[in-house]
């Protein structure tokens, strides 16, 4: 994957992350319900955090085609 494609995907993930952790979507999970012993909001935050970390990892995980090529 070229560097420009990686940058474009990283920007899209950053925008999605900003929207995901902003007021309108956070208010959906802000209820007194619990999953196990954890509040729903806490599960929402940590699950979203893990999701975005894994998305960024998949973008950056691609190996260069040439062994001599370093980014």
PDB file of N, CA and C in Angstrom:
ATOM      1  N   UNK A   1       0.847  -1.167   0.000  1.00  0.00           N
ATOM      2  CA  UNK A   1       0.000   0.000   0.000  1.00  0.00           C
ATOM      3  C   UNK A   1       0.895   1.234   0.000  1.00  0.00           C
ATOM      4  N   UNK A   2       0.556   2.179  -0.819  1.00  0.00           N
ATOM      5  CA  UNK A   2       1.380   3.377  -0.910  1.00  0.00           C
ATOM      6  C   UNK A   2       1.176   4.262   0.319  1.00  0.00           C
ATOM      7  N   UNK A   3       2.127   5.154   0.505  1.00  0.00           N
ATOM      8  CA  UNK A   3       2.082   6.042   1.678  1.00  0.00           C
ATOM      9  C   UNK A   3       0.868   6.965   1.623  1.00  0.00           C
ATOM     10  N   UNK A   4       0.483   7.404   0.431  1.00  0.00           N
ATOM     11  CA  UNK A   4      -0.668   8.304   0.334  1.00  0.00           C
ATOM     12  C   UNK A   4      -1.971   7.579   0.688  1.00  0.00           C
ATOM     13  N   UNK A   5      -2.092   6.309   0.312  1.00  0.00           N
ATOM     14  CA  UNK A   5      -3.278   5.534   0.683  1.00  0.00           C
ATOM     15  C   UNK A   5      -3.332   5.326   2.204  1.00  0.00           C
ATOM     16  N   UNK A   6      -2.160   5.053   2.796  1.00  0.00           N
ATOM     17  CA  UNK A   6      -2.103   4.894   4.252  1.00  0.00           C
ATOM     18  C   UNK A   6      -2.518   6.179   4.943  1.00  0.00           C
ATOM     19  N   UNK A   7      -2.031   7.302   4.431  1.00  0.00           N
ATOM     20  CA  UNK A   7      -2.376   8.592   5.030  1.00  0.00           C
ATOM     21  C   UNK A   7      -3.865   8.874   4.919  1.00  0.00           C
ATOM     22  N   UNK A   8      -4.446   8.564   3.755  1.00  0.00           N
ATOM     23  CA  UNK A   8      -5.876   8.794   3.567  1.00  0.00           C
ATOM     24  C   UNK A   8      -6.698   7.940   4.526  1.00  0.00           C
ATOM     25  N   UNK A   9      -6.312   6.680   4.674  1.00  0.00           N
ATOM     26  CA  UNK A   9      -7.038   5.803   5.593  1.00  0.00           C
ATOM     27  C   UNK A   9      -6.851   6.244   7.037  1.00  0.00           C
ATOM     28  N   UNK A  10      -5.663   6.705   7.385  1.00  0.00           N
ATOM     29  CA  UNK A  10      -5.416   7.184   8.746  1.00  0.00           C
ATOM     30  C   UNK A  10      -6.260   8.419   9.048  1.00  0.00           C
ATOM     31  N   UNK A  11      -6.409   9.299   8.096  1.00  0.00           N
ATOM     32  CA  UNK A  11      -7.240  10.496   8.287  1.00  0.00           C
ATOM     33  C   UNK A  11      -8.705  10.097   8.454  1.00  0.00           C
ATOM     34  N   UNK A  12      -9.175   9.150   7.660  1.00  0.00           N
ATOM     35  CA  UNK A  12     -10.555   8.692   7.786  1.00  0.00           C
ATOM     36  C   UNK A  12     -10.799   8.041   9.149  1.00  0.00           C
ATOM     37  N   UNK A  13      -9.842   7.260   9.625  1.00  0.00           N
ATOM     38  CA  UNK A  13      -9.982   6.636  10.937  1.00  0.00           C
ATOM     39  C   UNK A  13      -9.965   7.701  12.030  1.00  0.00           C
ATOM     40  N   UNK A  14      -9.134   8.714  11.889  1.00  0.00           N
ATOM     41  CA  UNK A  14      -9.085   9.791  12.882  1.00  0.00           C
ATOM     42  C   UNK A  14     -10.413  10.547  12.936  1.00  0.00           C
ATOM     43  N   UNK A  15     -10.999  10.816  11.790  1.00  0.00           N
ATOM     44  CA  UNK A  15     -12.293  11.502  11.754  1.00  0.00           C
ATOM     45  C   UNK A  15     -13.377  10.626  12.375  1.00  0.00           C
ATOM     46  N   UNK A  16     -13.363   9.334  12.035  1.00  0.00           N
ATOM     47  CA  UNK A  16     -14.340   8.414  12.615  1.00  0.00           C
ATOM     48  C   UNK A  16     -14.165   8.326  14.123  1.00  0.00           C
ATOM     49  N   UNK A  17     -12.929   8.347  14.593  1.00  0.00           N
ATOM     50  CA  UNK A  17     -12.653   8.290  16.026  1.00  0.00           C
ATOM     51  C   UNK A  17     -13.185   9.545  16.722  1.00  0.00           C
ATOM     52  N   UNK A  18     -12.991  10.684  16.116  1.00  0.00           N
ATOM     53  CA  UNK A  18     -13.505  11.926  16.697  1.00  0.00           C
ATOM     54  C   UNK A  18     -15.032  11.904  16.782  1.00  0.00           C
ATOM     55  N   UNK A  19     -15.678  11.388  15.759  1.00  0.00           N
ATOM     56  CA  UNK A  19     -17.137  11.311  15.782  1.00  0.00           C
ATOM     57  C   UNK A  19     -17.624  10.278  16.791  1.00  0.00           C
ATOM     58  N   UNK A  20     -16.924   9.164  16.878  1.00  0.00           N
ATOM     59  CA  UNK A  20     -17.310   8.072  17.765  1.00  0.00           C
ATOM     60  C   UNK A  20     -17.247   8.487  19.231  1.00  0.00           C
ATOM     61  N   UNK A  21     -16.250   9.295  19.586  1.00  0.00           N
ATOM     62  CA  UNK A  21     -16.067   9.704  20.971  1.00  0.00           C
ATOM     63  C   UNK A  21     -16.600  11.111  21.241  1.00  0.00           C
ATOM     64  N   UNK A  22     -17.532  11.583  20.437  1.00  0.00           N
ATOM     65  CA  UNK A  22     -18.115  12.898  20.618  1.00  0.00           C
ATOM     66  C   UNK A  22     -19.533  12.763  21.182  1.00  0.00           C
ATOM     67  N   UNK A  23     -20.127  13.867  21.570  1.00  0.00           N
ATOM     68  CA  UNK A  23     -21.375  13.875  22.329  1.00  0.00           C
ATOM     69  C   UNK A  23     -22.517  13.048  21.746  1.00  0.00           C
ATOM     70  N   UNK A  24     -22.945  13.233  20.525  1.00  0.00           N
ATOM     71  CA  UNK A  24     -24.178  12.526  20.145  1.00  0.00           C
ATOM     72  C   UNK A  24     -24.073  11.004  20.277  1.00  0.00           C
ATOM     73  N   UNK A  25     -22.951  10.434  19.912  1.00  0.00           N
ATOM     74  CA  UNK A  25     -22.824   8.978  20.009  1.00  0.00           C
ATOM     75  C   UNK A  25     -22.518   8.521  21.434  1.00  0.00           C
ATOM     76  N   UNK A  26     -21.823   9.334  22.192  1.00  0.00           N
ATOM     77  CA  UNK A  26     -21.571   8.979  23.595  1.00  0.00           C
ATOM     78  C   UNK A  26     -22.863   8.963  24.407  1.00  0.00           C
ATOM     79  N   UNK A  27     -23.793   9.826  24.064  1.00  0.00           N
ATOM     80  CA  UNK A  27     -25.044   9.876  24.822  1.00  0.00           C
ATOM     81  C   UNK A  27     -25.886   8.621  24.609  1.00  0.00           C
ATOM     82  N   UNK A  28     -25.673   7.911  23.504  1.00  0.00           N
ATOM     83  CA  UNK A  28     -26.401   6.663  23.272  1.00  0.00           C
ATOM     84  C   UNK A  28     -26.027   5.634  24.327  1.00  0.00           C
ATOM     85  N   UNK A  29     -24.758   5.584  24.688  1.00  0.00           N
ATOM     86  CA  UNK A  29     -24.282   4.586  25.655  1.00  0.00           C
ATOM     87  C   UNK A  29     -24.336   5.077  27.096  1.00  0.00           C
ATOM     88  N   UNK A  30     -24.747   6.305  27.321  1.00  0.00           N
ATOM     89  CA  UNK A  30     -24.760   6.866  28.669  1.00  0.00           C
ATOM     90  C   UNK A  30     -26.092   6.561  29.356  1.00  0.00           C
ATOM     91  N   UNK A  31     -26.238   5.292  29.754  1.00  0.00           N
ATOM     92  CA  UNK A  31     -27.434   4.837  30.450  1.00  0.00           C
ATOM     93  C   UNK A  31     -27.009   4.057  31.682  1.00  0.00           C
ATOM     94  N   UNK A  32     -27.890   3.897  32.641  1.00  0.00           N
ATOM     95  CA  UNK A  32     -27.506   3.172  33.867  1.00  0.00           C
ATOM     96  C   UNK A  32     -27.411   1.653  33.689  1.00  0.00           C
ATOM     97  N   UNK A  33     -27.533   1.151  32.470  1.00  0.00           N
ATOM     98  CA  UNK A  33     -27.418  -0.297  32.240  1.00  0.00           C
ATOM     99  C   UNK A  33     -25.992  -0.766  32.456  1.00  0.00           C
ATOM    100  N   UNK A  34     -25.868  -2.059  32.734  1.00  0.00           N
ATOM    101  CA  UNK A  34     -24.542  -2.627  32.947  1.00  0.00           C
ATOM    102  C   UNK A  34     -24.392  -3.897  32.126  1.00  0.00           C
ATOM    103  N   UNK A  35     -23.157  -4.163  31.719  1.00  0.00           N
ATOM    104  CA  UNK A  35     -22.794  -5.413  31.064  1.00  0.00           C
ATOM    105  C   UNK A  35     -21.862  -6.117  32.034  1.00  0.00           C
ATOM    106  N   UNK A  36     -22.353  -7.166  32.636  1.00  0.00           N
ATOM    107  CA  UNK A  36     -21.605  -7.782  33.728  1.00  0.00           C
ATOM    108  C   UNK A  36     -21.616  -6.820  34.901  1.00  0.00           C
ATOM    109  N   UNK A  37     -20.447  -6.450  35.377  1.00  0.00           N
ATOM    110  CA  UNK A  37     -20.340  -5.472  36.457  1.00  0.00           C
ATOM    111  C   UNK A  37     -19.898  -4.102  35.956  1.00  0.00           C
ATOM    112  N   UNK A  38     -19.754  -3.948  34.632  1.00  0.00           N
ATOM    113  CA  UNK A  38     -19.253  -2.696  34.067  1.00  0.00           C
ATOM    114  C   UNK A  38     -20.392  -1.861  33.489  1.00  0.00           C
ATOM    115  N   UNK A  39     -20.349  -0.546  33.703  1.00  0.00           N
ATOM    116  CA  UNK A  39     -21.349   0.327  33.096  1.00  0.00           C
ATOM    117  C   UNK A  39     -21.230   0.309  31.566  1.00  0.00           C
ATOM    118  N   UNK A  40     -22.365   0.495  30.903  1.00  0.00           N
ATOM    119  CA  UNK A  40     -22.414   0.449  29.444  1.00  0.00           C
ATOM    120  C   UNK A  40     -21.489   1.484  28.813  1.00  0.00           C
ATOM    121  N   UNK A  41     -21.405   2.664  29.383  1.00  0.00           N
ATOM    122  CA  UNK A  41     -20.544   3.709  28.832  1.00  0.00           C
ATOM    123  C   UNK A  41     -19.078   3.293  28.863  1.00  0.00           C
ATOM    124  N   UNK A  42     -18.656   2.657  29.926  1.00  0.00           N
ATOM    125  CA  UNK A  42     -17.278   2.206  30.034  1.00  0.00           C
ATOM    126  C   UNK A  42     -16.965   1.126  28.991  1.00  0.00           C
ATOM    127  N   UNK A  43     -17.881   0.217  28.792  1.00  0.00           N
ATOM    128  CA  UNK A  43     -17.704  -0.824  27.771  1.00  0.00           C
ATOM    129  C   UNK A  43     -17.640  -0.192  26.384  1.00  0.00           C
ATOM    130  N   UNK A  44     -18.512   0.786  26.125  1.00  0.00           N
ATOM    131  CA  UNK A  44     -18.524   1.498  24.844  1.00  0.00           C
ATOM    132  C   UNK A  44     -17.183   2.185  24.589  1.00  0.00           C
ATOM    133  N   UNK A  45     -16.651   2.865  25.587  1.00  0.00           N
ATOM    134  CA  UNK A  45     -15.390   3.587  25.427  1.00  0.00           C
ATOM    135  C   UNK A  45     -14.224   2.639  25.155  1.00  0.00           C
ATOM    136  N   UNK A  46     -14.103   1.582  25.950  1.00  0.00           N
ATOM    137  CA  UNK A  46     -12.980   0.673  25.784  1.00  0.00           C
ATOM    138  C   UNK A  46     -13.105  -0.173  24.518  1.00  0.00           C
ATOM    139  N   UNK A  47     -14.309  -0.562  24.140  1.00  0.00           N
ATOM    140  CA  UNK A  47     -14.492  -1.321  22.902  1.00  0.00           C
ATOM    141  C   UNK A  47     -14.159  -0.442  21.698  1.00  0.00           C
ATOM    142  N   UNK A  48     -14.584   0.818  21.726  1.00  0.00           N
ATOM    143  CA  UNK A  48     -14.254   1.740  20.636  1.00  0.00           C
ATOM    144  C   UNK A  48     -12.768   2.011  20.563  1.00  0.00           C
ATOM    145  N   UNK A  49     -12.153   2.167  21.702  1.00  0.00           N
ATOM    146  CA  UNK A  49     -10.717   2.400  21.767  1.00  0.00           C
ATOM    147  C   UNK A  49      -9.965   1.221  21.160  1.00  0.00           C
ATOM    148  N   UNK A  50     -10.343   0.017  21.535  1.00  0.00           N
ATOM    149  CA  UNK A  50      -9.716  -1.188  20.994  1.00  0.00           C
ATOM    150  C   UNK A  50      -9.948  -1.299  19.491  1.00  0.00           C
ATOM    151  N   UNK A  51     -11.151  -0.980  19.046  1.00  0.00           N
ATOM    152  CA  UNK A  51     -11.466  -1.034  17.618  1.00  0.00           C
ATOM    153  C   UNK A  51     -10.558  -0.109  16.819  1.00  0.00           C
ATOM    154  N   UNK A  52     -10.390   1.123  17.268  1.00  0.00           N
ATOM    155  CA  UNK A  52      -9.571   2.067  16.523  1.00  0.00           C
ATOM    156  C   UNK A  52      -8.090   1.708  16.579  1.00  0.00           C
ATOM    157  N   UNK A  53      -7.636   1.148  17.668  1.00  0.00           N
ATOM    158  CA  UNK A  53      -6.246   0.685  17.737  1.00  0.00           C
ATOM    159  C   UNK A  53      -6.022  -0.437  16.729  1.00  0.00           C
ATOM    160  N   UNK A  54      -6.956  -1.371  16.644  1.00  0.00           N
ATOM    161  CA  UNK A  54      -6.815  -2.482  15.697  1.00  0.00           C
ATOM    162  C   UNK A  54      -6.896  -2.003  14.247  1.00  0.00           C
ATOM    163  N   UNK A  55      -7.743  -1.020  13.975  1.00  0.00           N
ATOM    164  CA  UNK A  55      -7.822  -0.469  12.619  1.00  0.00           C
ATOM    165  C   UNK A  55      -6.508   0.201  12.210  1.00  0.00           C
ATOM    166  N   UNK A  56      -5.932   0.968  13.108  1.00  0.00           N
ATOM    167  CA  UNK A  56      -4.664   1.627  12.816  1.00  0.00           C
ATOM    168  C   UNK A  56      -3.559   0.596  12.644  1.00  0.00           C
ATOM    169  N   UNK A  57      -3.607  -0.461  13.456  1.00  0.00           N
ATOM    170  CA  UNK A  57      -2.602  -1.523  13.350  1.00  0.00           C
ATOM    171  C   UNK A  57      -2.674  -2.226  11.998  1.00  0.00           C
ATOM    172  N   UNK A  58      -3.878  -2.471  11.496  1.00  0.00           N
ATOM    173  CA  UNK A  58      -4.001  -3.154  10.205  1.00  0.00           C
ATOM    174  C   UNK A  58      -3.492  -2.283   9.060  1.00  0.00           C
ATOM    175  N   UNK A  59      -3.641  -0.987   9.180  1.00  0.00           N
ATOM    176  CA  UNK A  59      -3.118  -0.098   8.138  1.00  0.00           C
ATOM    177  C   UNK A  59      -1.596  -0.117   8.139  1.00  0.00           C
ATOM    178  N   UNK A  60      -1.005  -0.054   9.305  1.00  0.00           N
ATOM    179  CA  UNK A  60       0.447   0.049   9.413  1.00  0.00           C
ATOM    180  C   UNK A  60       1.156  -1.293   9.344  1.00  0.00           C
ATOM    181  N   UNK A  61       0.436  -2.375   9.303  1.00  0.00           N
ATOM    182  CA  UNK A  61       1.050  -3.696   9.352  1.00  0.00           C
ATOM    183  C   UNK A  61       1.572  -4.174   8.006  1.00  0.00           C
ATOM    184  N   UNK A  62       1.183  -3.555   6.922  1.00  0.00           N
ATOM    185  CA  UNK A  62       1.609  -4.037   5.611  1.00  0.00           C
ATOM    186  C   UNK A  62       3.122  -3.943   5.470  1.00  0.00           C
ATOM    187  N   UNK A  63       3.711  -5.016   4.994  1.00  0.00           N
ATOM    188  CA  UNK A  63       5.166  -5.074   4.834  1.00  0.00           C
ATOM    189  C   UNK A  63       5.557  -4.461   3.496  1.00  0.00           C
ATOM    190  N   UNK A  64       6.748  -3.865   3.416  1.00  0.00           N
ATOM    191  CA  UNK A  64       7.205  -3.337   2.132  1.00  0.00           C
ATOM    192  C   UNK A  64       7.452  -4.470   1.138  1.00  0.00           C
ATOM    193  N   UNK A  65       7.253  -4.184  -0.151  1.00  0.00           N
ATOM    194  CA  UNK A  65       7.429  -5.201  -1.188  1.00  0.00           C
ATOM    195  C   UNK A  65       8.895  -5.575  -1.364  1.00  0.00           C
ATOM    196  N   UNK A  66       9.766  -4.593  -1.281  1.00  0.00           N
ATOM    197  CA  UNK A  66      11.196  -4.844  -1.418  1.00  0.00           C
ATOM    198  C   UNK A  66      11.831  -4.854  -0.032  1.00  0.00           C
ATOM    199  N   UNK A  67      12.717  -5.816   0.253  1.00  0.00           N
ATOM    200  CA  UNK A  67      13.365  -5.824   1.567  1.00  0.00           C
ATOM    201  C   UNK A  67      14.257  -4.607   1.803  1.00  0.00           C
ATOM    202  N   UNK A  68      14.739  -3.984   0.725  1.00  0.00           N
ATOM    203  CA  UNK A  68      15.592  -2.819   0.869  1.00  0.00           C
ATOM    204  C   UNK A  68      14.787  -1.531   1.093  1.00  0.00           C
ATOM    205  N   UNK A  69      13.481  -1.597   0.857  1.00  0.00           N
ATOM    206  CA  UNK A  69      12.631  -0.415   0.957  1.00  0.00           C
ATOM    207  C   UNK A  69      12.222  -0.214   2.412  1.00  0.00           C
ATOM    208  N   UNK A  70      12.517   0.958   2.958  1.00  0.00           N
ATOM    209  CA  UNK A  70      12.157   1.292   4.333  1.00  0.00           C
ATOM    210  C   UNK A  70      11.372   2.591   4.316  1.00  0.00           C
ATOM    211  N   UNK A  71      10.332   2.651   5.158  1.00  0.00           N
ATOM    212  CA  UNK A  71       9.554   3.897   5.260  1.00  0.00           C
ATOM    213  C   UNK A  71       9.796   4.534   6.585  1.00  0.00           C
TER     214      UNK A  71
END
